[in-house]
Amino acid sequence: MLVLGRKPGEYVIIGNNIKVKVVKSGNGDLRLAIDAPKDIEITRGEVWEQKNK
């Protein structure tokens, strides 16, 4: 697992076509903006875990 530190406004690129940008952080919260092709499914961890019990 790769662990990165990013500040609001900074982003990472996954592959050639997925961009994950930090849009807000503070008070223990983190907001991410994910730009990916429509055929890529994006699921929150707690939802994925519930579906895969």
PDB file of N, CA and C in Angstrom:
ATOM      1  N   MET A   1       0.850  -1.177   0.000  1.00  0.00           N
ATOM      2  CA  MET A   1       0.000   0.000   0.000  1.00  0.00           C
ATOM      3  C   MET A   1       0.895   1.239   0.000  1.00  0.00           C
ATOM      4  N   LEU A   2       0.579   2.169  -0.849  1.00  0.00           N
ATOM      5  CA  LEU A   2       1.286   3.441  -0.920  1.00  0.00           C
ATOM      6  C   LEU A   2       0.537   4.461  -0.072  1.00  0.00           C
ATOM      7  N   VAL A   3       1.246   5.154   0.813  1.00  0.00           N
ATOM      8  CA  VAL A   3       0.643   6.190   1.650  1.00  0.00           C
ATOM      9  C   VAL A   3       1.253   7.523   1.252  1.00  0.00           C
ATOM     10  N   LEU A   4       0.395   8.492   0.912  1.00  0.00           N
ATOM     11  CA  LEU A   4       0.851   9.807   0.468  1.00  0.00           C
ATOM     12  C   LEU A   4       0.271  10.896   1.350  1.00  0.00           C
ATOM     13  N   GLY A   5       1.002  11.964   1.504  1.00  0.00           N
ATOM     14  CA  GLY A   5       0.473  13.158   2.149  1.00  0.00           C
ATOM     15  C   GLY A   5       0.157  14.181   1.068  1.00  0.00           C
ATOM     16  N   ARG A   6      -1.026  14.743   1.094  1.00  0.00           N
ATOM     17  CA  ARG A   6      -1.446  15.750   0.122  1.00  0.00           C
ATOM     18  C   ARG A   6      -2.151  16.870   0.862  1.00  0.00           C
ATOM     19  N   LYS A   7      -2.027  18.071   0.339  1.00  0.00           N
ATOM     20  CA  LYS A   7      -2.705  19.246   0.883  1.00  0.00           C
ATOM     21  C   LYS A   7      -3.872  19.597  -0.029  1.00  0.00           C
ATOM     22  N   PRO A   8      -4.847  20.360   0.479  1.00  0.00           N
ATOM     23  CA  PRO A   8      -5.958  20.784  -0.393  1.00  0.00           C
ATOM     24  C   PRO A   8      -5.437  21.421  -1.684  1.00  0.00           C
ATOM     25  N   GLY A   9      -6.018  21.008  -2.799  1.00  0.00           N
ATOM     26  CA  GLY A   9      -5.610  21.494  -4.114  1.00  0.00           C
ATOM     27  C   GLY A   9      -4.616  20.568  -4.801  1.00  0.00           C
ATOM     28  N   GLU A  10      -3.949  19.707  -4.038  1.00  0.00           N
ATOM     29  CA  GLU A  10      -3.000  18.767  -4.628  1.00  0.00           C
ATOM     30  C   GLU A  10      -3.734  17.490  -5.038  1.00  0.00           C
ATOM     31  N   TYR A  11      -3.135  16.737  -5.938  1.00  0.00           N
ATOM     32  CA  TYR A  11      -3.797  15.536  -6.449  1.00  0.00           C
ATOM     33  C   TYR A  11      -2.787  14.464  -6.810  1.00  0.00           C
ATOM     34  N   VAL A  12      -3.299  13.263  -7.045  1.00  0.00           N
ATOM     35  CA  VAL A  12      -2.507  12.150  -7.566  1.00  0.00           C
ATOM     36  C   VAL A  12      -3.219  11.613  -8.800  1.00  0.00           C
ATOM     37  N   ILE A  13      -2.446  11.039  -9.692  1.00  0.00           N
ATOM     38  CA  ILE A  13      -2.970  10.416 -10.905  1.00  0.00           C
ATOM     39  C   ILE A  13      -2.763   8.907 -10.777  1.00  0.00           C
ATOM     40  N   ILE A  14      -3.813   8.146 -11.019  1.00  0.00           N
ATOM     41  CA  ILE A  14      -3.741   6.688 -10.993  1.00  0.00           C
ATOM     42  C   ILE A  14      -3.890   6.206 -12.430  1.00  0.00           C
ATOM     43  N   GLY A  15      -2.888   5.465 -12.889  1.00  0.00           N
ATOM     44  CA  GLY A  15      -2.888   5.061 -14.293  1.00  0.00           C
ATOM     45  C   GLY A  15      -2.756   6.306 -15.156  1.00  0.00           C
ATOM     46  N   ASN A  16      -3.462   6.325 -16.259  1.00  0.00           N
ATOM     47  CA  ASN A  16      -3.430   7.485 -17.146  1.00  0.00           C
ATOM     48  C   ASN A  16      -4.711   8.295 -17.116  1.00  0.00           C
ATOM     49  N   ASN A  17      -5.736   7.816 -16.382  1.00  0.00           N
ATOM     50  CA  ASN A  17      -7.026   8.473 -16.540  1.00  0.00           C
ATOM     51  C   ASN A  17      -7.851   8.639 -15.261  1.00  0.00           C
ATOM     52  N   ILE A  18      -7.236   8.465 -14.090  1.00  0.00           N
ATOM     53  CA  ILE A  18      -7.964   8.676 -12.838  1.00  0.00           C
ATOM     54  C   ILE A  18      -7.221   9.718 -12.016  1.00  0.00           C
ATOM     55  N   LYS A  19      -7.921  10.774 -11.649  1.00  0.00           N
ATOM     56  CA  LYS A  19      -7.343  11.864 -10.863  1.00  0.00           C
ATOM     57  C   LYS A  19      -8.077  11.939  -9.530  1.00  0.00           C
ATOM     58  N   VAL A  20      -7.319  11.914  -8.434  1.00  0.00           N
ATOM     59  CA  VAL A  20      -7.889  12.027  -7.092  1.00  0.00           C
ATOM     60  C   VAL A  20      -7.306  13.296  -6.471  1.00  0.00           C
ATOM     61  N   LYS A  21      -8.184  14.246  -6.187  1.00  0.00           N
ATOM     62  CA  LYS A  21      -7.759  15.558  -5.694  1.00  0.00           C
ATOM     63  C   LYS A  21      -8.321  15.805  -4.296  1.00  0.00           C
ATOM     64  N   VAL A  22      -7.482  16.333  -3.414  1.00  0.00           N
ATOM     65  CA  VAL A  22      -7.933  16.740  -2.081  1.00  0.00           C
ATOM     66  C   VAL A  22      -8.568  18.118  -2.235  1.00  0.00           C
ATOM     67  N   VAL A  23      -9.849  18.229  -1.911  1.00  0.00           N
ATOM     68  CA  VAL A  23     -10.521  19.520  -2.045  1.00  0.00           C
ATOM     69  C   VAL A  23     -10.701  20.216  -0.708  1.00  0.00           C
ATOM     70  N   LYS A  24     -10.681  19.447   0.385  1.00  0.00           N
ATOM     71  CA  LYS A  24     -10.838  20.071   1.693  1.00  0.00           C
ATOM     72  C   LYS A  24     -10.362  19.108   2.764  1.00  0.00           C
ATOM     73  N   SER A  25      -9.697  19.651   3.776  1.00  0.00           N
ATOM     74  CA  SER A  25      -9.353  18.837   4.938  1.00  0.00           C
ATOM     75  C   SER A  25      -9.423  19.724   6.170  1.00  0.00           C
ATOM     76  N   GLY A  26      -9.751  19.125   7.272  1.00  0.00           N
ATOM     77  CA  GLY A  26      -9.817  19.846   8.533  1.00  0.00           C
ATOM     78  C   GLY A  26     -10.799  19.201   9.471  1.00  0.00           C
ATOM     79  N   ASN A  27     -10.595  19.416  10.759  1.00  0.00           N
ATOM     80  CA  ASN A  27     -11.469  18.856  11.795  1.00  0.00           C
ATOM     81  C   ASN A  27     -11.612  17.343  11.677  1.00  0.00           C
ATOM     82  N   GLY A  28     -10.572  16.672  11.219  1.00  0.00           N
ATOM     83  CA  GLY A  28     -10.631  15.221  11.089  1.00  0.00           C
ATOM     84  C   GLY A  28     -11.337  14.729   9.844  1.00  0.00           C
ATOM     85  N   ASP A  29     -11.827  15.640   9.021  1.00  0.00           N
ATOM     86  CA  ASP A  29     -12.512  15.264   7.781  1.00  0.00           C
ATOM     87  C   ASP A  29     -11.591  15.474   6.589  1.00  0.00           C
ATOM     88  N   LEU A  30     -11.835  14.709   5.552  1.00  0.00           N
ATOM     89  CA  LEU A  30     -11.105  14.849   4.301  1.00  0.00           C
ATOM     90  C   LEU A  30     -12.100  14.705   3.166  1.00  0.00           C
ATOM     91  N   ARG A  31     -12.079  15.614   2.227  1.00  0.00           N
ATOM     92  CA  ARG A  31     -12.969  15.547   1.059  1.00  0.00           C
ATOM     93  C   ARG A  31     -12.109  15.325  -0.178  1.00  0.00           C
ATOM     94  N   LEU A  32     -12.512  14.344  -0.974  1.00  0.00           N
ATOM     95  CA  LEU A  32     -11.797  14.002  -2.199  1.00  0.00           C
ATOM     96  C   LEU A  32     -12.692  14.222  -3.403  1.00  0.00           C
ATOM     97  N   ALA A  33     -12.109  14.678  -4.491  1.00  0.00           N
ATOM     98  CA  ALA A  33     -12.796  14.752  -5.778  1.00  0.00           C
ATOM     99  C   ALA A  33     -12.124  13.716  -6.675  1.00  0.00           C
ATOM    100  N   ILE A  34     -12.917  12.832  -7.249  1.00  0.00           N
ATOM    101  CA  ILE A  34     -12.382  11.762  -8.090  1.00  0.00           C
ATOM    102  C   ILE A  34     -12.889  11.953  -9.507  1.00  0.00           C
ATOM    103  N   ASP A  35     -11.963  12.090 -10.427  1.00  0.00           N
ATOM    104  CA  ASP A  35     -12.292  12.234 -11.846  1.00  0.00           C
ATOM    105  C   ASP A  35     -11.838  10.952 -12.540  1.00  0.00           C
ATOM    106  N   ALA A  36     -12.810  10.144 -12.964  1.00  0.00           N
ATOM    107  CA  ALA A  36     -12.504   8.854 -13.583  1.00  0.00           C
ATOM    108  C   ALA A  36     -13.502   8.587 -14.700  1.00  0.00           C
ATOM    109  N   PRO A  37     -13.137   7.720 -15.646  1.00  0.00           N
ATOM    110  CA  PRO A  37     -14.080   7.349 -16.703  1.00  0.00           C
ATOM    111  C   PRO A  37     -15.349   6.740 -16.107  1.00  0.00           C
ATOM    112  N   LYS A  38     -16.462   6.898 -16.794  1.00  0.00           N
ATOM    113  CA  LYS A  38     -17.754   6.406 -16.309  1.00  0.00           C
ATOM    114  C   LYS A  38     -17.789   4.891 -16.137  1.00  0.00           C
ATOM    115  N   ASP A  39     -16.930   4.167 -16.850  1.00  0.00           N
ATOM    116  CA  ASP A  39     -16.944   2.708 -16.722  1.00  0.00           C
ATOM    117  C   ASP A  39     -16.155   2.207 -15.510  1.00  0.00           C
ATOM    118  N   ILE A  40     -15.534   3.107 -14.764  1.00  0.00           N
ATOM    119  CA  ILE A  40     -14.825   2.746 -13.537  1.00  0.00           C
ATOM    120  C   ILE A  40     -15.781   2.916 -12.362  1.00  0.00           C
ATOM    121  N   GLU A  41     -16.047   1.829 -11.642  1.00  0.00           N
ATOM    122  CA  GLU A  41     -16.941   1.897 -10.484  1.00  0.00           C
ATOM    123  C   GLU A  41     -16.179   2.462  -9.287  1.00  0.00           C
ATOM    124  N   ILE A  42     -16.765   3.447  -8.619  1.00  0.00           N
ATOM    125  CA  ILE A  42     -16.175   4.045  -7.422  1.00  0.00           C
ATOM    126  C   ILE A  42     -17.144   3.794  -6.272  1.00  0.00           C
ATOM    127  N   THR A  43     -16.661   3.126  -5.230  1.00  0.00           N
ATOM    128  CA  THR A  43     -17.511   2.739  -4.108  1.00  0.00           C
ATOM    129  C   THR A  43     -16.812   3.099  -2.798  1.00  0.00           C
ATOM    130  N   ARG A  44     -17.556   3.698  -1.871  1.00  0.00           N
ATOM    131  CA  ARG A  44     -17.008   3.985  -0.543  1.00  0.00           C
ATOM    132  C   ARG A  44     -16.680   2.668   0.155  1.00  0.00           C
ATOM    133  N   GLY A  45     -15.644   2.681   0.981  1.00  0.00           N
ATOM    134  CA  GLY A  45     -15.178   1.476   1.655  1.00  0.00           C
ATOM    135  C   GLY A  45     -16.244   0.763   2.454  1.00  0.00           C
ATOM    136  N   GLU A  46     -17.039   1.513   3.231  1.00  0.00           N
ATOM    137  CA  GLU A  46     -18.049   0.867   4.075  1.00  0.00           C
ATOM    138  C   GLU A  46     -19.143   0.212   3.243  1.00  0.00           C
ATOM    139  N   VAL A  47     -19.446   0.766   2.078  1.00  0.00           N
ATOM    140  CA  VAL A  47     -20.441   0.164   1.184  1.00  0.00           C
ATOM    141  C   VAL A  47     -19.873  -1.109   0.570  1.00  0.00           C
ATOM    142  N   TRP A  48     -18.627  -1.062   0.126  1.00  0.00           N
ATOM    143  CA  TRP A  48     -17.976  -2.228  -0.469  1.00  0.00           C
ATOM    144  C   TRP A  48     -17.900  -3.374   0.533  1.00  0.00           C
ATOM    145  N   GLU A  49     -17.515  -3.048   1.792  1.00  0.00           N
ATOM    146  CA  GLU A  49     -17.413  -4.084   2.821  1.00  0.00           C
ATOM    147  C   GLU A  49     -18.767  -4.726   3.101  1.00  0.00           C
ATOM    148  N   GLN A  50     -19.825  -3.933   3.136  1.00  0.00           N
ATOM    149  CA  GLN A  50     -21.165  -4.472   3.383  1.00  0.00           C
ATOM    150  C   GLN A  50     -21.587  -5.429   2.263  1.00  0.00           C
ATOM    151  N   LYS A  51     -21.288  -5.054   1.009  1.00  0.00           N
ATOM    152  CA  LYS A  51     -21.659  -5.886  -0.128  1.00  0.00           C
ATOM    153  C   LYS A  51     -20.843  -7.170  -0.190  1.00  0.00           C
ATOM    154  N   ASN A  52     -19.639  -7.158   0.367  1.00  0.00           N
ATOM    155  CA  ASN A  52     -18.723  -8.292   0.231  1.00  0.00           C
ATOM    156  C   ASN A  52     -18.529  -9.072   1.525  1.00  0.00           C
ATOM    157  N   LYS A  53     -19.511  -9.049   2.404  1.00  0.00           N
ATOM    158  CA  LYS A  53     -19.430  -9.833   3.651  1.00  0.00           C
ATOM    159  C   LYS A  53     -19.576 -11.302   3.361  1.00  0.00           C
TER     160      LYS A  53
END
